[in-house]
Amino acid sequence: MPGLPEALEAVAAGATQAAVAALGQMLDEHHRQMTTYNSHLDSASEALICPLALLLVAVAGRRGLDLKPLLAERAQRRVLLRPLDGRHRPEVPAGAKAAIDVDYMPELFLRAWRPAAQDRPKDANRGTEQTESPTTSGGGSSVSR
């Protein structure tokens, strides 16, 4: 994939602008392949994310580089998808396409890679203290007969 070696080097070196440029190339290529008829990503479910760029942005985030906002224009796009079963659905006109907005690097996946303290508010554990339940207090069974 174009830009992958450069992106790896830039993330390892902590070079924000070089990483943004290389990841931008990767996202552009992913988008091109997704929108090319009969490519391996054409109308495939794995086309909705760019796993290599997602992984590199997550690793960069762990290393202190916040690249996602700088790549928003290239990561969030509108694409036209054809139905996968158009031949078997007579009510769908031939050549029909659906326009959808995609984010090739969803925040949901990036959130899992962030350090735990960064996502959690200060009082996130409030109210989750272990309290003694009637069955563990040693006072007998809580089941009535």
Protein backbone atom coordinates (compact mmCIF):
# COMPACT_ATOMS: atom_id res chain seq x y z
CA MET A 1 0.00 0.00 0.00
CA PRO A 2 1.41 3.41 -0.91
CA GLY A 3 2.55 5.41 2.09
CA LEU A 4 2.85 2.46 4.49
CA PRO A 5 6.68 2.45 4.85
CA GLU A 6 6.75 6.23 5.22
CA ALA A 7 3.93 6.12 7.80
CA LEU A 8 5.74 3.49 9.84
CA GLU A 9 8.94 5.53 9.86
CA ALA A 10 7.13 8.77 10.69
CA VAL A 11 5.19 7.26 13.59
CA ALA A 12 8.36 5.65 14.95
CA ALA A 13 10.20 8.97 14.71
CA GLY A 14 7.29 11.00 16.11
CA ALA A 15 7.10 13.19 13.00
CA THR A 16 3.50 14.43 12.90
CA GLN A 17 3.47 16.10 9.48
CA ALA A 18 5.24 13.21 7.74
CA ALA A 19 2.85 10.74 9.40
CA VAL A 20 -0.18 12.76 8.28
CA ALA A 21 1.10 12.90 4.70
CA ALA A 22 1.87 9.17 4.54
CA LEU A 23 -1.38 8.13 6.24
CA GLY A 24 -3.23 10.43 3.87
CA GLN A 25 -1.75 8.49 0.95
CA MET A 26 -2.88 5.24 2.55
CA LEU A 27 -6.42 6.53 3.09
CA ASP A 28 -6.60 7.87 -0.47
CA GLU A 29 -5.52 4.49 -1.86
CA HIS A 30 -8.02 2.67 0.34
CA HIS A 31 -10.79 4.98 -0.88
CA ARG A 32 -9.72 4.53 -4.51
CA GLN A 33 -9.79 0.74 -4.18
CA MET A 34 -13.13 0.82 -2.43
CA THR A 35 -14.74 2.88 -5.17
CA THR A 36 -13.17 0.94 -8.07
CA TYR A 37 -15.60 -1.51 -9.64
CA ASN A 38 -14.54 -5.16 -9.12
CA SER A 39 -11.62 -4.33 -6.84
CA HIS A 40 -11.08 -6.55 -3.82
CA LEU A 41 -12.71 -3.87 -1.64
CA ASP A 42 -15.60 -3.03 -3.95
CA SER A 43 -18.79 -3.34 -1.85
CA ALA A 44 -17.06 -5.50 0.75
CA SER A 45 -17.75 -5.07 4.44
CA GLU A 46 -14.04 -4.80 5.23
CA ALA A 47 -13.91 -1.74 2.99
CA LEU A 48 -15.64 0.39 5.61
CA ILE A 49 -12.46 0.69 7.69
CA CYS A 50 -8.79 0.97 6.74
CA PRO A 51 -7.17 -1.45 9.19
CA LEU A 52 -3.54 -0.46 8.51
CA ALA A 53 -4.20 3.27 8.94
CA LEU A 54 -6.38 2.55 11.98
CA LEU A 55 -3.59 0.56 13.62
CA LEU A 56 -0.94 3.18 12.86
CA VAL A 57 -3.10 6.02 14.21
CA ALA A 58 -3.77 3.99 17.36
CA VAL A 59 -0.06 3.29 17.87
CA ALA A 60 0.74 6.95 17.20
CA GLY A 61 -1.82 7.91 19.84
CA ARG A 62 -0.09 5.65 22.36
CA ARG A 63 3.17 7.41 21.49
CA GLY A 64 1.64 10.86 22.06
CA LEU A 65 0.73 11.85 18.47
CA ASP A 66 -2.94 12.74 17.99
CA LEU A 67 -3.30 12.21 14.23
CA LYS A 68 -7.03 11.49 13.89
CA PRO A 69 -8.15 15.17 13.85
CA LEU A 70 -5.50 15.97 11.24
CA LEU A 71 -6.76 13.17 8.98
CA ALA A 72 -10.51 13.82 9.35
CA GLU A 73 -10.93 15.15 5.81
CA ARG A 74 -9.36 12.04 4.28
CA ALA A 75 -10.79 9.50 6.72
CA GLN A 76 -14.43 10.62 6.53
CA ARG A 77 -15.87 10.32 3.06
CA ARG A 78 -19.12 9.75 1.23
CA VAL A 79 -19.12 6.61 -0.90
CA LEU A 80 -21.56 4.96 -3.27
CA LEU A 81 -22.16 1.26 -2.63
CA ARG A 82 -24.00 -1.18 -4.83
CA PRO A 83 -26.26 -3.79 -3.24
CA LEU A 84 -24.61 -7.19 -3.00
CA ASP A 85 -27.72 -9.11 -3.99
CA GLY A 86 -29.09 -6.83 -6.72
CA ARG A 87 -29.60 -9.68 -9.19
CA HIS A 88 -31.92 -11.48 -6.82
CA ARG A 89 -34.01 -8.45 -5.91
CA PRO A 90 -36.19 -7.33 -8.81
CA GLU A 91 -37.42 -4.28 -6.89
CA VAL A 92 -33.86 -2.85 -6.90
CA PRO A 93 -33.17 -1.13 -10.22
CA ALA A 94 -30.06 -2.15 -12.13
CA GLY A 95 -27.10 0.04 -11.29
CA ALA A 96 -28.64 1.31 -8.06
CA LYS A 97 -26.20 2.70 -5.52
CA ALA A 98 -26.58 3.93 -1.99
CA ALA A 99 -24.62 6.95 -0.76
CA ILE A 100 -23.29 6.45 2.74
CA ASP A 101 -20.87 8.38 4.93
CA VAL A 102 -17.99 6.28 6.19
CA ASP A 103 -15.17 6.87 8.62
CA TYR A 104 -12.23 4.67 7.65
CA MET A 105 -10.81 5.09 11.18
CA PRO A 106 -13.81 4.91 13.56
CA GLU A 107 -13.38 6.45 16.99
CA LEU A 108 -14.86 3.31 18.53
CA PHE A 109 -11.77 1.31 17.54
CA LEU A 110 -9.30 4.04 18.46
CA ARG A 111 -10.82 4.44 21.93
CA ALA A 112 -9.86 0.88 22.81
CA TRP A 113 -6.17 1.69 22.24
CA ARG A 114 -6.02 4.78 24.43
CA PRO A 115 -4.54 4.56 27.90
CA ALA A 116 -7.26 3.73 30.41
CA ALA A 117 -6.95 6.92 32.47
CA GLN A 118 -7.38 9.14 29.42
CA ASP A 119 -10.89 7.92 28.62
CA ARG A 120 -12.16 7.54 32.14
CA PRO A 121 -13.56 10.57 34.01
CA LYS A 122 -12.23 11.13 37.53
CA ASP A 123 -15.38 9.77 39.17
CA ALA A 124 -15.96 6.86 36.76
CA ASN A 125 -15.60 4.28 39.52
CA ARG A 126 -17.88 6.12 41.93
CA GLY A 127 -20.72 3.93 43.09
CA THR A 128 -19.03 0.67 42.14
CA GLU A 129 -17.50 -0.04 45.54
CA GLN A 130 -18.01 -3.58 46.72
CA THR A 131 -20.64 -3.75 49.40
CA GLU A 132 -21.50 -6.76 51.43
CA SER A 133 -24.51 -8.55 50.04
CA PRO A 134 -26.97 -10.54 52.18
CA THR A 135 -25.65 -13.82 50.80
CA THR A 136 -22.02 -13.05 51.64
CA SER A 137 -22.53 -11.49 55.08
CA GLY A 138 -22.52 -14.83 56.84
CA GLY A 139 -26.00 -14.20 58.20
CA GLY A 140 -27.51 -17.25 56.58
CA SER A 141 -29.32 -17.77 53.36
CA SER A 142 -31.32 -15.01 51.71
CA VAL A 143 -33.75 -17.49 50.22
CA SER A 144 -37.07 -17.67 52.07
CA ARG A 145 -39.02 -20.86 52.35
